[in-house]
C-alpha atoms as a PDB file:
ATOM      1  CA  MET A   1     -44.664  76.412 177.121  1.00  0.00           C
ATOM      2  CA  THR A   2     -41.555  75.962 174.792  1.00  0.00           C
ATOM      3  CA  MET A   3     -38.407  77.732 174.569  1.00  0.00           C
ATOM      4  CA  LYS A   4     -39.360  79.101 171.275  1.00  0.00           C
ATOM      5  CA  GLU A   5     -42.503  80.703 172.800  1.00  0.00           C
ATOM      6  CA  LEU A   6     -39.969  82.544 175.333  1.00  0.00           C
ATOM      7  CA  SER A   7     -37.441  83.642 172.595  1.00  0.00           C
ATOM      8  CA  THR A   8     -37.820  87.157 171.509  1.00  0.00           C
ATOM      9  CA  GLY A   9     -34.554  87.745 169.574  1.00  0.00           C
ATOM     10  CA  PRO A  10     -33.600  86.720 166.034  1.00  0.00           C
ATOM     11  CA  ASP A  11     -31.713  83.426 165.684  1.00  0.00           C
ATOM     12  CA  TRP A  12     -29.030  84.742 163.451  1.00  0.00           C
ATOM     13  CA  ILE A  13     -27.407  86.387 166.635  1.00  0.00           C
ATOM     14  CA  VAL A  14     -26.849  83.048 168.190  1.00  0.00           C
ATOM     15  CA  TRP A  15     -25.244  81.774 164.949  1.00  0.00           C
ATOM     16  CA  VAL A  16     -22.847  84.692 164.911  1.00  0.00           C
ATOM     17  CA  VAL A  17     -21.762  83.977 168.335  1.00  0.00           C
ATOM     18  CA  PHE A  18     -21.386  80.367 167.604  1.00  0.00           C
ATOM     19  CA  PHE A  19     -19.010  81.167 164.775  1.00  0.00           C
ATOM     20  CA  ILE A  20     -17.045  83.734 166.755  1.00  0.00           C
ATOM     21  CA  LEU A  21     -16.673  81.156 169.641  1.00  0.00           C
ATOM     22  CA  VAL A  22     -15.553  78.297 167.199  1.00  0.00           C
ATOM     23  CA  PHE A  23     -12.885  80.690 165.563  1.00  0.00           C
ATOM     24  CA  VAL A  24     -11.565  81.800 169.069  1.00  0.00           C
ATOM     25  CA  SER A  25     -11.658  78.241 170.113  1.00  0.00           C
ATOM     26  CA  ALA A  26      -9.742  77.130 167.123  1.00  0.00           C
ATOM     27  CA  VAL A  27      -7.134  79.898 167.694  1.00  0.00           C
ATOM     28  CA  LEU A  28      -6.778  78.888 171.354  1.00  0.00           C
ATOM     29  CA  LEU A  29      -6.333  75.297 170.511  1.00  0.00           C
ATOM     30  CA  SER A  30      -3.765  75.842 168.014  1.00  0.00           C
ATOM     31  CA  GLY A  31      -1.515  77.077 170.693  1.00  0.00           C
ATOM     32  CA  HIS A  32      -1.856  80.812 169.831  1.00  0.00           C
ATOM     33  CA  GLY A  33      -3.915  83.490 171.222  1.00  0.00           C
ATOM     34  CA  ALA A  34      -3.304  83.193 174.901  1.00  0.00           C
ATOM     35  CA  ASN A  35      -3.567  86.838 175.237  1.00  0.00           C
ATOM     36  CA  LEU A  36      -7.361  86.509 174.317  1.00  0.00           C
ATOM     37  CA  ILE A  37      -7.756  84.959 177.762  1.00  0.00           C
ATOM     38  CA  ALA A  38      -9.008  87.514 180.220  1.00  0.00           C
ATOM     39  CA  GLY A  39      -6.819  87.596 183.176  1.00  0.00           C
ATOM     40  CA  TYR A  40      -3.680  86.267 181.505  1.00  0.00           C
ATOM     41  CA  ASN A  41      -3.493  89.323 179.146  1.00  0.00           C
ATOM     42  CA  THR A  42      -3.255  91.572 181.988  1.00  0.00           C
ATOM     43  CA  ALA A  43      -1.005  89.570 184.267  1.00  0.00           C
ATOM     44  CA  THR A  44       2.582  90.628 184.760  1.00  0.00           C
ATOM     45  CA  LYS A  45       5.429  88.926 183.240  1.00  0.00           C
ATOM     46  CA  GLU A  46       6.246  87.116 186.498  1.00  0.00           C
ATOM     47  CA  GLU A  47       2.498  85.829 186.800  1.00  0.00           C
ATOM     48  CA  LYS A  48       2.548  84.720 183.215  1.00  0.00           C
ATOM     49  CA  GLU A  49       5.679  82.665 183.653  1.00  0.00           C
ATOM     50  CA  LYS A  50       3.690  80.668 186.181  1.00  0.00           C
ATOM     51  CA  TYR A  51       1.394  79.120 183.636  1.00  0.00           C
ATOM     52  CA  ASP A  52       1.926  76.888 180.665  1.00  0.00           C
ATOM     53  CA  LYS A  53       0.587  78.966 177.787  1.00  0.00           C
ATOM     54  CA  LYS A  54      -0.267  76.025 175.557  1.00  0.00           C
ATOM     55  CA  LYS A  55      -2.219  74.042 178.160  1.00  0.00           C
ATOM     56  CA  LEU A  56      -4.062  77.202 179.236  1.00  0.00           C
ATOM     57  CA  GLY A  57      -5.112  77.858 175.617  1.00  0.00           C
ATOM     58  CA  ARG A  58      -6.240  74.184 175.216  1.00  0.00           C
ATOM     59  CA  VAL A  59      -8.405  74.199 178.522  1.00  0.00           C
ATOM     60  CA  VAL A  60     -10.108  77.564 177.579  1.00  0.00           C
ATOM     61  CA  GLY A  61     -10.295  76.561 173.918  1.00  0.00           C
ATOM     62  CA  VAL A  62     -12.090  73.197 174.946  1.00  0.00           C
ATOM     63  CA  GLY A  63     -14.398  74.947 177.322  1.00  0.00           C
ATOM     64  CA  LEU A  64     -15.327  77.684 174.699  1.00  0.00           C
ATOM     65  CA  LEU A  65     -15.895  75.001 172.129  1.00  0.00           C
ATOM     66  CA  ALA A  66     -18.300  73.155 174.530  1.00  0.00           C
ATOM     67  CA  ILE A  67     -20.252  76.282 174.991  1.00  0.00           C
ATOM     68  CA  ALA A  68     -20.268  77.069 171.178  1.00  0.00           C
ATOM     69  CA  PHE A  69     -21.755  73.753 170.340  1.00  0.00           C
ATOM     70  CA  LEU A  70     -24.443  74.073 173.083  1.00  0.00           C
ATOM     71  CA  LEU A  71     -25.734  77.283 171.576  1.00  0.00           C
ATOM     72  CA  PRO A  72     -26.958  75.947 168.117  1.00  0.00           C
ATOM     73  CA  PHE A  73     -28.208  72.827 169.819  1.00  0.00           C
ATOM     74  CA  ALA A  74     -30.553  75.215 172.109  1.00  0.00           C
ATOM     75  CA  VAL A  75     -31.658  77.029 169.058  1.00  0.00           C
ATOM     76  CA  LEU A  76     -32.404  73.835 166.772  1.00  0.00           C
ATOM     77  CA  THR A  77     -34.246  72.294 169.681  1.00  0.00           C
ATOM     78  CA  GLN A  78     -36.051  75.274 171.091  1.00  0.00           C
ATOM     79  CA  ALA A  79     -39.349  74.135 169.513  1.00  0.00           C
ATOM     80  CA  ILE A  80     -39.318  70.708 171.126  1.00  0.00           C
ATOM     81  CA  PHE A  81     -37.958  71.280 174.449  1.00  0.00           C
ATOM     82  CA  PRO A  82     -39.891  72.918 177.416  1.00  0.00           C
ATOM     83  CA  ALA A  83     -38.889  76.452 178.655  1.00  0.00           C
ATOM     84  CA  TRP A  84     -37.254  74.978 181.938  1.00  0.00           C
ATOM     85  CA  VAL A  85     -34.455  73.458 179.697  1.00  0.00           C
ATOM     86  CA  ALA A  86     -33.122  76.928 179.226  1.00  0.00           C
ATOM     87  CA  TYR A  87     -32.220  76.760 182.802  1.00  0.00           C
ATOM     88  CA  VAL A  88     -30.511  73.457 182.361  1.00  0.00           C
ATOM     89  CA  PHE A  89     -28.382  75.004 179.412  1.00  0.00           C
ATOM     90  CA  LEU A  90     -27.539  77.922 181.679  1.00  0.00           C
ATOM     91  CA  GLY A  91     -26.197  75.470 184.317  1.00  0.00           C
ATOM     92  CA  VAL A  92     -24.175  73.761 181.923  1.00  0.00           C
ATOM     93  CA  VAL A  93     -22.475  76.939 180.853  1.00  0.00           C
ATOM     94  CA  ILE A  94     -21.979  77.992 184.444  1.00  0.00           C
ATOM     95  CA  VAL A  95     -20.378  74.525 185.306  1.00  0.00           C
ATOM     96  CA  ASP A  96     -18.217  74.641 182.155  1.00  0.00           C
ATOM     97  CA  CYS A  97     -16.764  78.111 183.276  1.00  0.00           C
ATOM     98  CA  ILE A  98     -16.187  76.875 186.844  1.00  0.00           C
ATOM     99  CA  VAL A  99     -14.501  73.737 185.435  1.00  0.00           C
ATOM    100  CA  MET A 100     -12.333  75.987 183.139  1.00  0.00           C
ATOM    101  CA  ILE A 101     -11.283  78.167 186.135  1.00  0.00           C
ATOM    102  CA  ILE A 102     -10.437  75.229 188.345  1.00  0.00           C
ATOM    103  CA  LEU A 103      -8.334  73.447 185.327  1.00  0.00           C
ATOM    104  CA  ALA A 104      -6.616  76.804 184.525  1.00  0.00           C
ATOM    105  CA  ASN A 105      -5.593  77.182 188.160  1.00  0.00           C
ATOM    106  CA  THR A 106      -4.294  73.630 188.593  1.00  0.00           C
ATOM    107  CA  ILE A 107      -3.302  71.661 185.588  1.00  0.00           C
ATOM    108  CA  CYS A 108      -2.054  74.742 183.586  1.00  0.00           C
ATOM    109  CA  ARG A 109       0.418  75.901 186.371  1.00  0.00           C
ATOM    110  CA  LYS A 110       4.078  75.053 185.716  1.00  0.00           C
END
């Protein structure tokens, strides 16, 4: 059984999410849009001063970019790969999120 046989939704949704993630990543990598990061935008002024805004944007931007390029890869190869590869993709996304959280709380602190 391939991933294509398990897919029930239209592929255009994945492409819309891909372009949104690439746009948000570009904004974050440019050093702007740190308020788009969940947790940072709700932090108090004292908590925000503990973090390097540009480094935090770069870490989250690169993490989102990795997820963004994994999505079209999954869609374009869904007819080739077996269904269990979807779990590998999910695992990569979860590991990427964990790495982003760890890096945001270590190297992004002032």
